[in-house]
């Protein structure tokens, strides 16, 4: 059970860091993110941001699970 608790703690801290980053850099858009505006409606499609986050999370999680 200690391993599960440790993993939940790491994921919680990771979520807090990601949430804080989104709050600080909320208006940060990578070239490749799509923003569509029409009247009062705005649709934001973060394609490039999703790819960057996927690569970062893949590296971090592979490093965490490699140590097991």
N, C-alpha and C. Protein backbone atom coordinates (compact mmCIF):
# COMPACT_ATOMS: atom_id res chain seq x y z
N UNK A 1 0.81 -1.20 0.00
CA UNK A 1 0.00 0.00 0.00
C UNK A 1 0.85 1.26 0.00
N UNK A 2 2.08 1.18 0.47
CA UNK A 2 2.93 2.37 0.50
C UNK A 2 3.26 2.84 -0.91
N UNK A 3 3.44 1.88 -1.84
CA UNK A 3 3.73 2.27 -3.22
C UNK A 3 2.56 3.02 -3.85
N UNK A 4 1.36 2.56 -3.57
CA UNK A 4 0.17 3.22 -4.12
C UNK A 4 0.05 4.62 -3.54
N UNK A 5 0.28 4.75 -2.25
CA UNK A 5 0.22 6.06 -1.61
C UNK A 5 1.25 7.02 -2.17
N UNK A 6 2.45 6.51 -2.40
CA UNK A 6 3.51 7.34 -2.97
C UNK A 6 3.16 7.78 -4.38
N UNK A 7 2.60 6.86 -5.17
CA UNK A 7 2.25 7.19 -6.54
C UNK A 7 1.11 8.22 -6.56
N UNK A 8 0.13 8.08 -5.68
CA UNK A 8 -0.94 9.07 -5.61
C UNK A 8 -0.41 10.44 -5.19
N UNK A 9 0.55 10.46 -4.29
CA UNK A 9 1.15 11.72 -3.86
C UNK A 9 1.89 12.38 -5.02
N UNK A 10 2.64 11.60 -5.79
CA UNK A 10 3.37 12.14 -6.95
C UNK A 10 2.39 12.69 -7.97
N UNK A 11 1.30 11.95 -8.26
CA UNK A 11 0.32 12.42 -9.23
C UNK A 11 -0.38 13.68 -8.73
N UNK A 12 -0.64 13.77 -7.44
CA UNK A 12 -1.27 14.96 -6.88
C UNK A 12 -0.38 16.18 -7.01
N UNK A 13 0.90 16.01 -6.70
CA UNK A 13 1.84 17.12 -6.85
C UNK A 13 1.97 17.52 -8.31
N UNK A 14 2.02 16.53 -9.19
CA UNK A 14 2.12 16.81 -10.62
C UNK A 14 0.90 17.58 -11.11
N UNK A 15 -0.29 17.19 -10.66
CA UNK A 15 -1.51 17.91 -11.04
C UNK A 15 -1.51 19.34 -10.50
N UNK A 16 -1.01 19.52 -9.29
CA UNK A 16 -0.94 20.87 -8.72
C UNK A 16 0.02 21.75 -9.52
N UNK A 17 1.15 21.19 -9.92
CA UNK A 17 2.12 21.95 -10.72
C UNK A 17 1.53 22.30 -12.09
N UNK A 18 0.87 21.35 -12.71
CA UNK A 18 0.26 21.61 -14.02
C UNK A 18 -0.84 22.66 -13.89
N UNK A 19 -1.67 22.55 -12.84
CA UNK A 19 -2.73 23.53 -12.62
C UNK A 19 -2.18 24.92 -12.38
N UNK A 20 -1.11 25.02 -11.58
CA UNK A 20 -0.48 26.31 -11.35
C UNK A 20 0.10 26.89 -12.63
N UNK A 21 0.71 26.03 -13.43
CA UNK A 21 1.25 26.49 -14.71
C UNK A 21 0.17 26.99 -15.65
N UNK A 22 -0.96 26.30 -15.66
CA UNK A 22 -2.06 26.75 -16.51
C UNK A 22 -2.63 28.08 -16.03
N UNK A 23 -2.66 28.28 -14.73
CA UNK A 23 -3.14 29.55 -14.20
C UNK A 23 -2.17 30.69 -14.54
N UNK A 24 -0.87 30.43 -14.45
CA UNK A 24 0.12 31.47 -14.73
C UNK A 24 0.26 31.75 -16.22
N UNK A 25 0.23 30.71 -17.02
CA UNK A 25 0.46 30.85 -18.46
C UNK A 25 -0.80 30.54 -19.26
N UNK A 26 -1.95 30.96 -18.76
CA UNK A 26 -3.23 30.65 -19.40
C UNK A 26 -3.36 31.22 -20.80
N UNK A 27 -2.71 32.32 -21.06
CA UNK A 27 -2.81 32.94 -22.38
C UNK A 27 -1.64 32.58 -23.28
N UNK A 28 -0.85 31.62 -22.87
CA UNK A 28 0.31 31.18 -23.63
C UNK A 28 -0.15 30.18 -24.69
N UNK A 29 0.09 30.49 -25.96
CA UNK A 29 -0.29 29.60 -27.05
C UNK A 29 0.93 29.27 -27.89
N UNK A 30 1.11 28.02 -28.18
CA UNK A 30 2.20 27.61 -29.07
C UNK A 30 1.75 27.79 -30.51
N UNK A 31 2.72 28.00 -31.41
CA UNK A 31 2.34 28.05 -32.83
C UNK A 31 1.90 26.65 -33.25
N UNK A 32 0.71 26.48 -33.65
CA UNK A 32 0.15 25.17 -33.96
C UNK A 32 -1.13 24.96 -33.18
N UNK A 33 -1.38 25.80 -32.18
CA UNK A 33 -2.66 25.78 -31.48
C UNK A 33 -3.64 26.60 -32.31
N UNK A 34 -4.87 26.13 -32.38
CA UNK A 34 -5.86 26.77 -33.23
C UNK A 34 -6.89 27.49 -32.36
N UNK A 35 -7.17 28.74 -32.69
CA UNK A 35 -8.21 29.52 -32.01
C UNK A 35 -9.20 30.01 -33.05
N UNK A 36 -10.46 29.61 -32.87
CA UNK A 36 -11.52 30.03 -33.77
C UNK A 36 -12.47 30.94 -33.01
N UNK A 37 -12.72 32.16 -33.55
CA UNK A 37 -13.62 33.11 -32.90
C UNK A 37 -14.75 33.46 -33.86
N UNK A 38 -15.97 33.45 -33.31
CA UNK A 38 -17.14 33.84 -34.10
C UNK A 38 -18.15 34.46 -33.15
N UNK A 39 -18.28 35.77 -33.17
CA UNK A 39 -19.20 36.44 -32.27
C UNK A 39 -18.77 36.28 -30.82
N UNK A 40 -19.66 35.74 -29.98
CA UNK A 40 -19.33 35.54 -28.56
C UNK A 40 -18.70 34.17 -28.31
N UNK A 41 -18.53 33.36 -29.32
CA UNK A 41 -18.03 31.99 -29.15
C UNK A 41 -16.57 31.91 -29.56
N UNK A 42 -15.76 31.34 -28.68
CA UNK A 42 -14.35 31.10 -28.98
C UNK A 42 -14.05 29.63 -28.74
N UNK A 43 -13.46 28.98 -29.73
CA UNK A 43 -13.07 27.57 -29.62
C UNK A 43 -11.56 27.51 -29.72
N UNK A 44 -10.94 26.91 -28.72
CA UNK A 44 -9.48 26.79 -28.67
C UNK A 44 -9.11 25.32 -28.78
N UNK A 45 -8.29 24.97 -29.76
CA UNK A 45 -7.87 23.58 -29.97
C UNK A 45 -6.35 23.53 -29.80
N UNK A 46 -5.87 23.04 -28.64
CA UNK A 46 -4.44 23.07 -28.33
C UNK A 46 -3.67 21.86 -28.87
N UNK A 47 -3.49 21.80 -30.17
CA UNK A 47 -2.82 20.65 -30.78
C UNK A 47 -1.35 20.60 -30.38
N UNK A 48 -0.62 21.68 -30.58
CA UNK A 48 0.82 21.70 -30.28
C UNK A 48 1.07 21.56 -28.78
N UNK A 49 0.24 22.21 -27.96
CA UNK A 49 0.39 22.11 -26.51
C UNK A 49 0.16 20.68 -26.05
N UNK A 50 -0.81 19.99 -26.63
CA UNK A 50 -1.08 18.60 -26.27
C UNK A 50 0.10 17.69 -26.62
N UNK A 51 0.73 17.94 -27.75
CA UNK A 51 1.89 17.12 -28.14
C UNK A 51 3.05 17.36 -27.19
N UNK A 52 3.31 18.62 -26.84
CA UNK A 52 4.41 18.94 -25.92
C UNK A 52 4.16 18.31 -24.55
N UNK A 53 2.94 18.45 -24.01
CA UNK A 53 2.61 17.85 -22.72
C UNK A 53 2.71 16.33 -22.76
N UNK A 54 2.32 15.72 -23.86
CA UNK A 54 2.41 14.28 -24.00
C UNK A 54 3.85 13.80 -23.95
N UNK A 55 4.74 14.51 -24.64
CA UNK A 55 6.15 14.13 -24.63
C UNK A 55 6.75 14.30 -23.23
N UNK A 56 6.43 15.41 -22.56
CA UNK A 56 6.96 15.65 -21.22
C UNK A 56 6.46 14.59 -20.24
N UNK A 57 5.16 14.30 -20.27
CA UNK A 57 4.61 13.30 -19.36
C UNK A 57 5.15 11.90 -19.66
N UNK A 58 5.38 11.57 -20.93
CA UNK A 58 5.95 10.28 -21.28
C UNK A 58 7.35 10.13 -20.69
N UNK A 59 8.16 11.17 -20.79
CA UNK A 59 9.52 11.11 -20.25
C UNK A 59 9.48 11.00 -18.72
N UNK A 60 8.66 11.82 -18.07
CA UNK A 60 8.59 11.80 -16.60
C UNK A 60 8.09 10.45 -16.10
N UNK A 61 7.02 9.93 -16.68
CA UNK A 61 6.47 8.66 -16.21
C UNK A 61 7.40 7.49 -16.52
N UNK A 62 8.10 7.53 -17.64
CA UNK A 62 9.03 6.45 -17.94
C UNK A 62 10.20 6.46 -16.95
N UNK A 63 10.64 7.66 -16.54
CA UNK A 63 11.69 7.74 -15.53
C UNK A 63 11.20 7.25 -14.17
N UNK A 64 9.95 7.56 -13.82
CA UNK A 64 9.40 7.11 -12.55
C UNK A 64 9.24 5.60 -12.50
N UNK A 65 8.74 5.01 -13.58
CA UNK A 65 8.49 3.57 -13.58
C UNK A 65 9.74 2.75 -13.88
N UNK A 66 10.78 3.37 -14.41
CA UNK A 66 12.02 2.66 -14.68
C UNK A 66 12.71 2.27 -13.38
N UNK A 67 12.54 3.09 -12.34
CA UNK A 67 13.19 2.86 -11.07
C UNK A 67 12.59 1.67 -10.31
N UNK A 68 11.46 1.19 -10.69
CA UNK A 68 10.83 0.06 -10.02
C UNK A 68 11.56 -1.16 -10.30
